[in-house]
C-alpha atoms as a PDB file:
ATOM      1  CA  ILE A   1       0.000   0.000   0.000  1.00  0.00           C
ATOM      2  CA  VAL A   2       1.515   3.311  -1.063  1.00  0.00           C
ATOM      3  CA  LEU A   3      -0.031   6.469   0.358  1.00  0.00           C
ATOM      4  CA  SER A   4       0.502   9.919  -1.133  1.00  0.00           C
ATOM      5  CA  ASP A   5       2.534  10.986   1.907  1.00  0.00           C
ATOM      6  CA  ALA A   6       5.103   8.208   1.446  1.00  0.00           C
ATOM      7  CA  PRO A   7       8.502   9.533   2.552  1.00  0.00           C
ATOM      8  CA  ASN A   8      10.320   8.677  -0.686  1.00  0.00           C
ATOM      9  CA  LEU A   9       8.427   7.536  -3.780  1.00  0.00           C
ATOM     10  CA  ASP A  10      11.652   6.558  -5.552  1.00  0.00           C
ATOM     11  CA  VAL A  11      12.588   4.105  -2.804  1.00  0.00           C
ATOM     12  CA  ALA A  12       9.008   2.837  -2.590  1.00  0.00           C
ATOM     13  CA  ALA A  13       9.026   2.265  -6.362  1.00  0.00           C
ATOM     14  CA  GLN A  14      12.328   0.398  -6.197  1.00  0.00           C
ATOM     15  CA  ARG A  15      11.062  -1.867  -3.401  1.00  0.00           C
ATOM     16  CA  THR A  16       7.771  -2.414  -5.235  1.00  0.00           C
ATOM     17  CA  ALA A  17       9.619  -3.419  -8.406  1.00  0.00           C
ATOM     18  CA  PHE A  18      11.968  -5.815  -6.636  1.00  0.00           C
ATOM     19  CA  GLY A  19       9.098  -7.095  -4.507  1.00  0.00           C
ATOM     20  CA  ILE A  20       7.320  -8.463  -7.588  1.00  0.00           C
ATOM     21  CA  TRP A  21      10.052  -8.999 -10.175  1.00  0.00           C
ATOM     22  CA  PHE A  22      12.820 -10.489  -8.029  1.00  0.00           C
ATOM     23  CA  ASN A  23      13.163 -14.156  -9.002  1.00  0.00           C
ATOM     24  CA  GLN A  24      10.552 -13.582 -11.751  1.00  0.00           C
ATOM     25  CA  GLY A  25       7.833 -13.267  -9.095  1.00  0.00           C
ATOM     26  CA  GLU A  26       8.296 -16.928  -8.192  1.00  0.00           C
ATOM     27  CA  VAL A  27       8.446 -16.145  -4.487  1.00  0.00           C
ATOM     28  CA  CYS A  28       5.712 -16.894  -1.943  1.00  0.00           C
ATOM     29  CA  THR A  29       6.011 -13.367  -0.567  1.00  0.00           C
ATOM     30  CA  ALA A  30       6.056 -11.587  -3.932  1.00  0.00           C
ATOM     31  CA  GLY A  31       4.297  -8.220  -3.783  1.00  0.00           C
ATOM     32  CA  SER A  32       1.907  -9.028  -6.610  1.00  0.00           C
ATOM     33  CA  ARG A  33      -0.738  -6.442  -5.662  1.00  0.00           C
ATOM     34  CA  LEU A  34       0.042  -2.731  -5.563  1.00  0.00           C
ATOM     35  CA  ILE A  35      -2.609  -0.736  -3.749  1.00  0.00           C
ATOM     36  CA  VAL A  36      -1.738   2.890  -4.435  1.00  0.00           C
ATOM     37  CA  GLU A  37      -3.454   6.159  -3.560  1.00  0.00           C
ATOM     38  CA  ASP A  38      -5.229   7.411  -6.665  1.00  0.00           C
ATOM     39  CA  LYS A  39      -3.769  10.903  -6.575  1.00  0.00           C
ATOM     40  CA  ILE A  40      -0.197   9.539  -6.992  1.00  0.00           C
ATOM     41  CA  LYS A  41      -1.024   6.400  -8.996  1.00  0.00           C
ATOM     42  CA  ASP A  42       0.173   7.628 -12.390  1.00  0.00           C
ATOM     43  CA  VAL A  43       3.426   9.184 -11.127  1.00  0.00           C
ATOM     44  CA  PHE A  44       4.216   6.191  -8.937  1.00  0.00           C
ATOM     45  CA  LEU A  45       3.400   3.665 -11.631  1.00  0.00           C
ATOM     46  CA  GLU A  46       5.736   5.449 -14.067  1.00  0.00           C
ATOM     47  CA  LYS A  47       8.545   5.107 -11.515  1.00  0.00           C
ATOM     48  CA  VAL A  48       7.877   1.384 -11.014  1.00  0.00           C
ATOM     49  CA  MET A  49       7.657   0.729 -14.747  1.00  0.00           C
ATOM     50  CA  ALA A  50      10.912   2.617 -15.419  1.00  0.00           C
ATOM     51  CA  ILE A  51      12.637   0.189 -13.058  1.00  0.00           C
ATOM     52  CA  GLY A  52      10.871  -2.763 -14.682  1.00  0.00           C
ATOM     53  CA  GLN A  53      12.148  -1.723 -18.108  1.00  0.00           C
ATOM     54  CA  LYS A  54      15.678  -2.252 -16.766  1.00  0.00           C
ATOM     55  CA  MET A  55      14.825  -5.681 -15.322  1.00  0.00           C
ATOM     56  CA  MET A  56      14.058  -7.484 -18.576  1.00  0.00           C
ATOM     57  CA  PRO A  57      14.725 -11.233 -18.540  1.00  0.00           C
ATOM     58  CA  GLY A  58      18.143 -12.439 -19.493  1.00  0.00           C
ATOM     59  CA  ASP A  59      20.659 -15.241 -19.136  1.00  0.00           C
ATOM     60  CA  PRO A  60      20.364 -16.379 -15.504  1.00  0.00           C
ATOM     61  CA  LEU A  61      24.101 -17.139 -15.441  1.00  0.00           C
ATOM     62  CA  ASP A  62      24.981 -13.532 -16.300  1.00  0.00           C
ATOM     63  CA  PRO A  63      25.599 -11.594 -13.048  1.00  0.00           C
ATOM     64  CA  LYS A  64      23.959  -8.498 -14.585  1.00  0.00           C
ATOM     65  CA  THR A  65      20.659 -10.328 -15.131  1.00  0.00           C
ATOM     66  CA  GLN A  66      17.960  -9.403 -12.621  1.00  0.00           C
ATOM     67  CA  MET A  67      15.249 -11.707 -13.996  1.00  0.00           C
ATOM     68  CA  GLY A  68      15.894 -15.197 -15.295  1.00  0.00           C
ATOM     69  CA  ALA A  69      13.682 -17.930 -16.668  1.00  0.00           C
ATOM     70  CA  MET A  70      10.455 -19.215 -15.197  1.00  0.00           C
ATOM     71  CA  VAL A  71      10.885 -22.545 -13.429  1.00  0.00           C
ATOM     72  CA  ASP A  72       9.548 -24.517 -16.418  1.00  0.00           C
ATOM     73  CA  GLU A  73       7.327 -24.410 -19.487  1.00  0.00           C
ATOM     74  CA  VAL A  74       4.231 -25.430 -17.504  1.00  0.00           C
ATOM     75  CA  GLN A  75       4.573 -22.420 -15.194  1.00  0.00           C
ATOM     76  CA  THR A  76       5.309 -20.157 -18.154  1.00  0.00           C
ATOM     77  CA  LYS A  77       2.043 -21.207 -19.808  1.00  0.00           C
ATOM     78  CA  ARG A  78       0.187 -20.793 -16.513  1.00  0.00           C
ATOM     79  CA  VAL A  79       1.442 -17.211 -16.061  1.00  0.00           C
ATOM     80  CA  MET A  80       0.687 -16.366 -19.696  1.00  0.00           C
ATOM     81  CA  GLY A  81      -2.844 -17.657 -19.034  1.00  0.00           C
ATOM     82  CA  TYR A  82      -3.191 -15.156 -16.176  1.00  0.00           C
ATOM     83  CA  ILE A  83      -1.982 -12.350 -18.437  1.00  0.00           C
ATOM     84  CA  GLU A  84      -4.603 -13.314 -21.025  1.00  0.00           C
ATOM     85  CA  ALA A  85      -7.281 -13.550 -18.317  1.00  0.00           C
ATOM     86  CA  GLY A  86      -6.337 -10.093 -16.999  1.00  0.00           C
ATOM     87  CA  GLN A  87      -6.906  -8.574 -20.423  1.00  0.00           C
ATOM     88  CA  LYS A  88     -10.239 -10.374 -20.819  1.00  0.00           C
ATOM     89  CA  GLU A  89     -11.344  -9.232 -17.345  1.00  0.00           C
ATOM     90  CA  GLY A  90     -10.801  -5.589 -18.338  1.00  0.00           C
ATOM     91  CA  ALA A  91      -7.563  -4.710 -16.548  1.00  0.00           C
ATOM     92  CA  LYS A  92      -5.350  -2.296 -18.489  1.00  0.00           C
ATOM     93  CA  LEU A  93      -2.056  -3.824 -19.624  1.00  0.00           C
ATOM     94  CA  LYS A  94       0.459  -1.013 -19.043  1.00  0.00           C
ATOM     95  CA  MET A  95       3.732  -2.866 -19.555  1.00  0.00           C
ATOM     96  CA  GLY A  96       5.073  -6.226 -20.641  1.00  0.00           C
ATOM     97  CA  GLY A  97       2.767  -9.183 -20.908  1.00  0.00           C
ATOM     98  CA  LYS A  98       4.822 -11.072 -23.460  1.00  0.00           C
ATOM     99  CA  GLN A  99       6.757 -14.283 -23.408  1.00  0.00           C
ATOM    100  CA  VAL A 100      10.273 -13.654 -24.714  1.00  0.00           C
ATOM    101  CA  HIS A 101      13.126 -15.832 -25.916  1.00  0.00           C
ATOM    102  CA  VAL A 102      16.613 -15.601 -24.485  1.00  0.00           C
ATOM    103  CA  ASP A 103      19.309 -17.657 -26.180  1.00  0.00           C
ATOM    104  CA  ASN A 104      16.601 -19.634 -28.028  1.00  0.00           C
ATOM    105  CA  ALA A 105      14.864 -20.587 -24.768  1.00  0.00           C
ATOM    106  CA  GLY A 106      11.270 -19.500 -24.243  1.00  0.00           C
ATOM    107  CA  SER A 107      10.458 -19.769 -20.532  1.00  0.00           C
ATOM    108  CA  PHE A 108      10.952 -16.038 -19.963  1.00  0.00           C
ATOM    109  CA  ILE A 109       8.230 -13.448 -19.321  1.00  0.00           C
ATOM    110  CA  GLU A 110       8.634  -9.686 -19.371  1.00  0.00           C
ATOM    111  CA  PRO A 111       7.934  -7.692 -16.203  1.00  0.00           C
ATOM    112  CA  THR A 112       4.199  -7.071 -16.521  1.00  0.00           C
ATOM    113  CA  VAL A 113       1.952  -4.370 -15.066  1.00  0.00           C
ATOM    114  CA  PHE A 114      -1.835  -4.244 -15.111  1.00  0.00           C
ATOM    115  CA  ALA A 115      -3.569  -1.042 -13.958  1.00  0.00           C
ATOM    116  CA  ASP A 116      -7.105  -0.574 -12.672  1.00  0.00           C
ATOM    117  CA  VAL A 117      -7.407  -4.197 -11.622  1.00  0.00           C
ATOM    118  CA  ASP A 118     -10.722  -5.236 -10.074  1.00  0.00           C
ATOM    119  CA  ASN A 119      -9.981  -6.684  -6.637  1.00  0.00           C
ATOM    120  CA  ALA A 120     -12.401  -9.546  -7.349  1.00  0.00           C
ATOM    121  CA  SER A 121     -10.512 -10.559 -10.514  1.00  0.00           C
ATOM    122  CA  ARG A 122      -8.186 -13.525 -10.878  1.00  0.00           C
ATOM    123  CA  LEU A 123      -5.193 -11.164 -11.132  1.00  0.00           C
ATOM    124  CA  ALA A 124      -5.922  -9.866  -7.646  1.00  0.00           C
ATOM    125  CA  GLN A 125      -7.263 -12.981  -5.970  1.00  0.00           C
ATOM    126  CA  GLU A 126      -5.069 -15.830  -7.180  1.00  0.00           C
ATOM    127  CA  GLU A 127      -1.377 -16.447  -6.634  1.00  0.00           C
ATOM    128  CA  ILE A 128       0.137 -16.025 -10.089  1.00  0.00           C
ATOM    129  CA  PHE A 129       3.683 -16.885  -9.012  1.00  0.00           C
ATOM    130  CA  GLY A 130       5.108 -14.880 -11.902  1.00  0.00           C
ATOM    131  CA  PRO A 131       6.269 -11.366 -12.842  1.00  0.00           C
ATOM    132  CA  VAL A 132       2.789  -9.802 -12.931  1.00  0.00           C
ATOM    133  CA  LEU A 133       1.880  -6.723 -10.884  1.00  0.00           C
ATOM    134  CA  ALA A 134      -1.822  -5.939 -10.327  1.00  0.00           C
ATOM    135  CA  VAL A 135      -2.413  -2.257  -9.527  1.00  0.00           C
ATOM    136  CA  MET A 136      -5.494  -1.106  -7.638  1.00  0.00           C
ATOM    137  CA  PRO A 137      -6.079   2.558  -6.798  1.00  0.00           C
ATOM    138  CA  PHE A 138      -7.775   3.763  -3.625  1.00  0.00           C
ATOM    139  CA  ASP A 139      -9.054   7.062  -2.283  1.00  0.00           C
ATOM    140  CA  THR A 140      -9.371   6.496   1.469  1.00  0.00           C
ATOM    141  CA  GLU A 141      -7.392   4.708   4.140  1.00  0.00           C
ATOM    142  CA  GLU A 142     -10.400   2.485   4.840  1.00  0.00           C
ATOM    143  CA  GLU A 143     -10.615   1.481   1.180  1.00  0.00           C
ATOM    144  CA  ALA A 144      -6.898   0.588   1.135  1.00  0.00           C
ATOM    145  CA  VAL A 145      -7.278  -1.670   4.182  1.00  0.00           C
ATOM    146  CA  ARG A 146     -10.387  -3.292   2.700  1.00  0.00           C
ATOM    147  CA  LEU A 147      -8.590  -4.023  -0.577  1.00  0.00           C
ATOM    148  CA  ALA A 148      -5.590  -5.419   1.297  1.00  0.00           C
ATOM    149  CA  ASN A 149      -7.770  -7.740   3.354  1.00  0.00           C
ATOM    150  CA  GLU A 150      -9.949  -9.035   0.520  1.00  0.00           C
ATOM    151  CA  VAL A 151      -7.502 -11.774  -0.417  1.00  0.00           C
ATOM    152  CA  GLU A 152      -6.919 -15.245   1.000  1.00  0.00           C
ATOM    153  CA  TYR A 153      -3.152 -15.491   0.616  1.00  0.00           C
ATOM    154  CA  GLY A 154      -1.876 -12.330   2.347  1.00  0.00           C
ATOM    155  CA  LEU A 155       1.477 -13.488   3.722  1.00  0.00           C
ATOM    156  CA  VAL A 156       3.207 -10.095   3.809  1.00  0.00           C
ATOM    157  CA  ALA A 157       2.301  -6.485   3.183  1.00  0.00           C
ATOM    158  CA  GLY A 158       4.250  -3.275   2.852  1.00  0.00           C
ATOM    159  CA  LEU A 159       2.851   0.090   3.890  1.00  0.00           C
ATOM    160  CA  TRP A 160       4.384   3.386   2.753  1.00  0.00           C
ATOM    161  CA  THR A 161       3.485   6.548   4.692  1.00  0.00           C
ATOM    162  CA  SER A 162       5.201   9.371   6.606  1.00  0.00           C
ATOM    163  CA  ASP A 163       2.504   9.395   9.291  1.00  0.00           C
ATOM    164  CA  VAL A 164       3.566   7.045  12.101  1.00  0.00           C
ATOM    165  CA  SER A 165       0.105   7.058  13.710  1.00  0.00           C
ATOM    166  CA  ARG A 166      -1.489   6.143  10.391  1.00  0.00           C
ATOM    167  CA  ALA A 167       1.101   3.387   9.878  1.00  0.00           C
ATOM    168  CA  HIS A 168       0.303   1.816  13.250  1.00  0.00           C
ATOM    169  CA  ARG A 169      -3.457   2.188  12.762  1.00  0.00           C
ATOM    170  CA  MET A 170      -3.445   0.650   9.281  1.00  0.00           C
ATOM    171  CA  ALA A 171      -0.928  -2.100  10.061  1.00  0.00           C
ATOM    172  CA  ALA A 172      -3.101  -3.220  12.974  1.00  0.00           C
ATOM    173  CA  GLN A 173      -6.035  -3.651  10.574  1.00  0.00           C
ATOM    174  CA  ILE A 174      -4.192  -5.465   7.765  1.00  0.00           C
ATOM    175  CA  GLU A 175      -4.641  -9.223   7.998  1.00  0.00           C
ATOM    176  CA  ALA A 176      -1.221 -10.277   6.681  1.00  0.00           C
ATOM    177  CA  GLY A 177       1.327 -12.396   8.479  1.00  0.00           C
ATOM    178  CA  LEU A 178       3.870  -9.553   8.340  1.00  0.00           C
ATOM    179  CA  VAL A 179       3.303  -5.852   7.688  1.00  0.00           C
ATOM    180  CA  THR A 180       6.385  -3.720   7.088  1.00  0.00           C
ATOM    181  CA  VAL A 181       6.397   0.066   7.094  1.00  0.00           C
ATOM    182  CA  ASN A 182       8.407   2.033   4.522  1.00  0.00           C
ATOM    183  CA  THR A 183      10.141  -1.087   3.243  1.00  0.00           C
ATOM    184  CA  PHE A 184       9.167  -4.347   1.617  1.00  0.00           C
ATOM    185  CA  ARG A 185      10.788  -7.497   2.838  1.00  0.00           C
ATOM    186  CA  THR A 186      12.202  -9.687   0.117  1.00  0.00           C
ATOM    187  CA  THR A 187      14.805 -12.392   0.058  1.00  0.00           C
ATOM    188  CA  HIS A 188      17.029 -10.181  -2.098  1.00  0.00           C
ATOM    189  CA  PRO A 189      19.366  -7.605  -0.543  1.00  0.00           C
ATOM    190  CA  MET A 190      18.614  -4.207  -1.988  1.00  0.00           C
END
């Protein structure tokens, strides 16, 4: 959840990008849903996507590569099915969404962003386990908490705000196993 008073939108964007695209999104704690305050949604999304453009899939043995291959062809097809479903359900594909080939291998998927995702859709409700970010705007604190809690698999959540009282209040209402404030916990050192 990114609120308009987040202390540093650049850092929040970096953590959001790594939170979903690290290890191709094949992480149980991947930040696959971005709940962002509507009045900063466009600016924030541009920052996240600019980072994603630099994280395109590549040779996993190359130390410069930040995204490698999906675990196998079955998972690649599964994730591509979610991307197709997102488009059919009316979410706006803002970036990526394509399977790419690296060194003649095809189990690679571009960093993908869908905007204006319905929280009842498959993109928001199911664990994709791939490099797909579902973006949902909100207007009020209560709406953000509701969106965060309307999912079955909420293992972790990140909350970005400068208001410590708001952070405590919202974190206490979010039904995730772990709620971090002004960071997003991943297995990758930033």
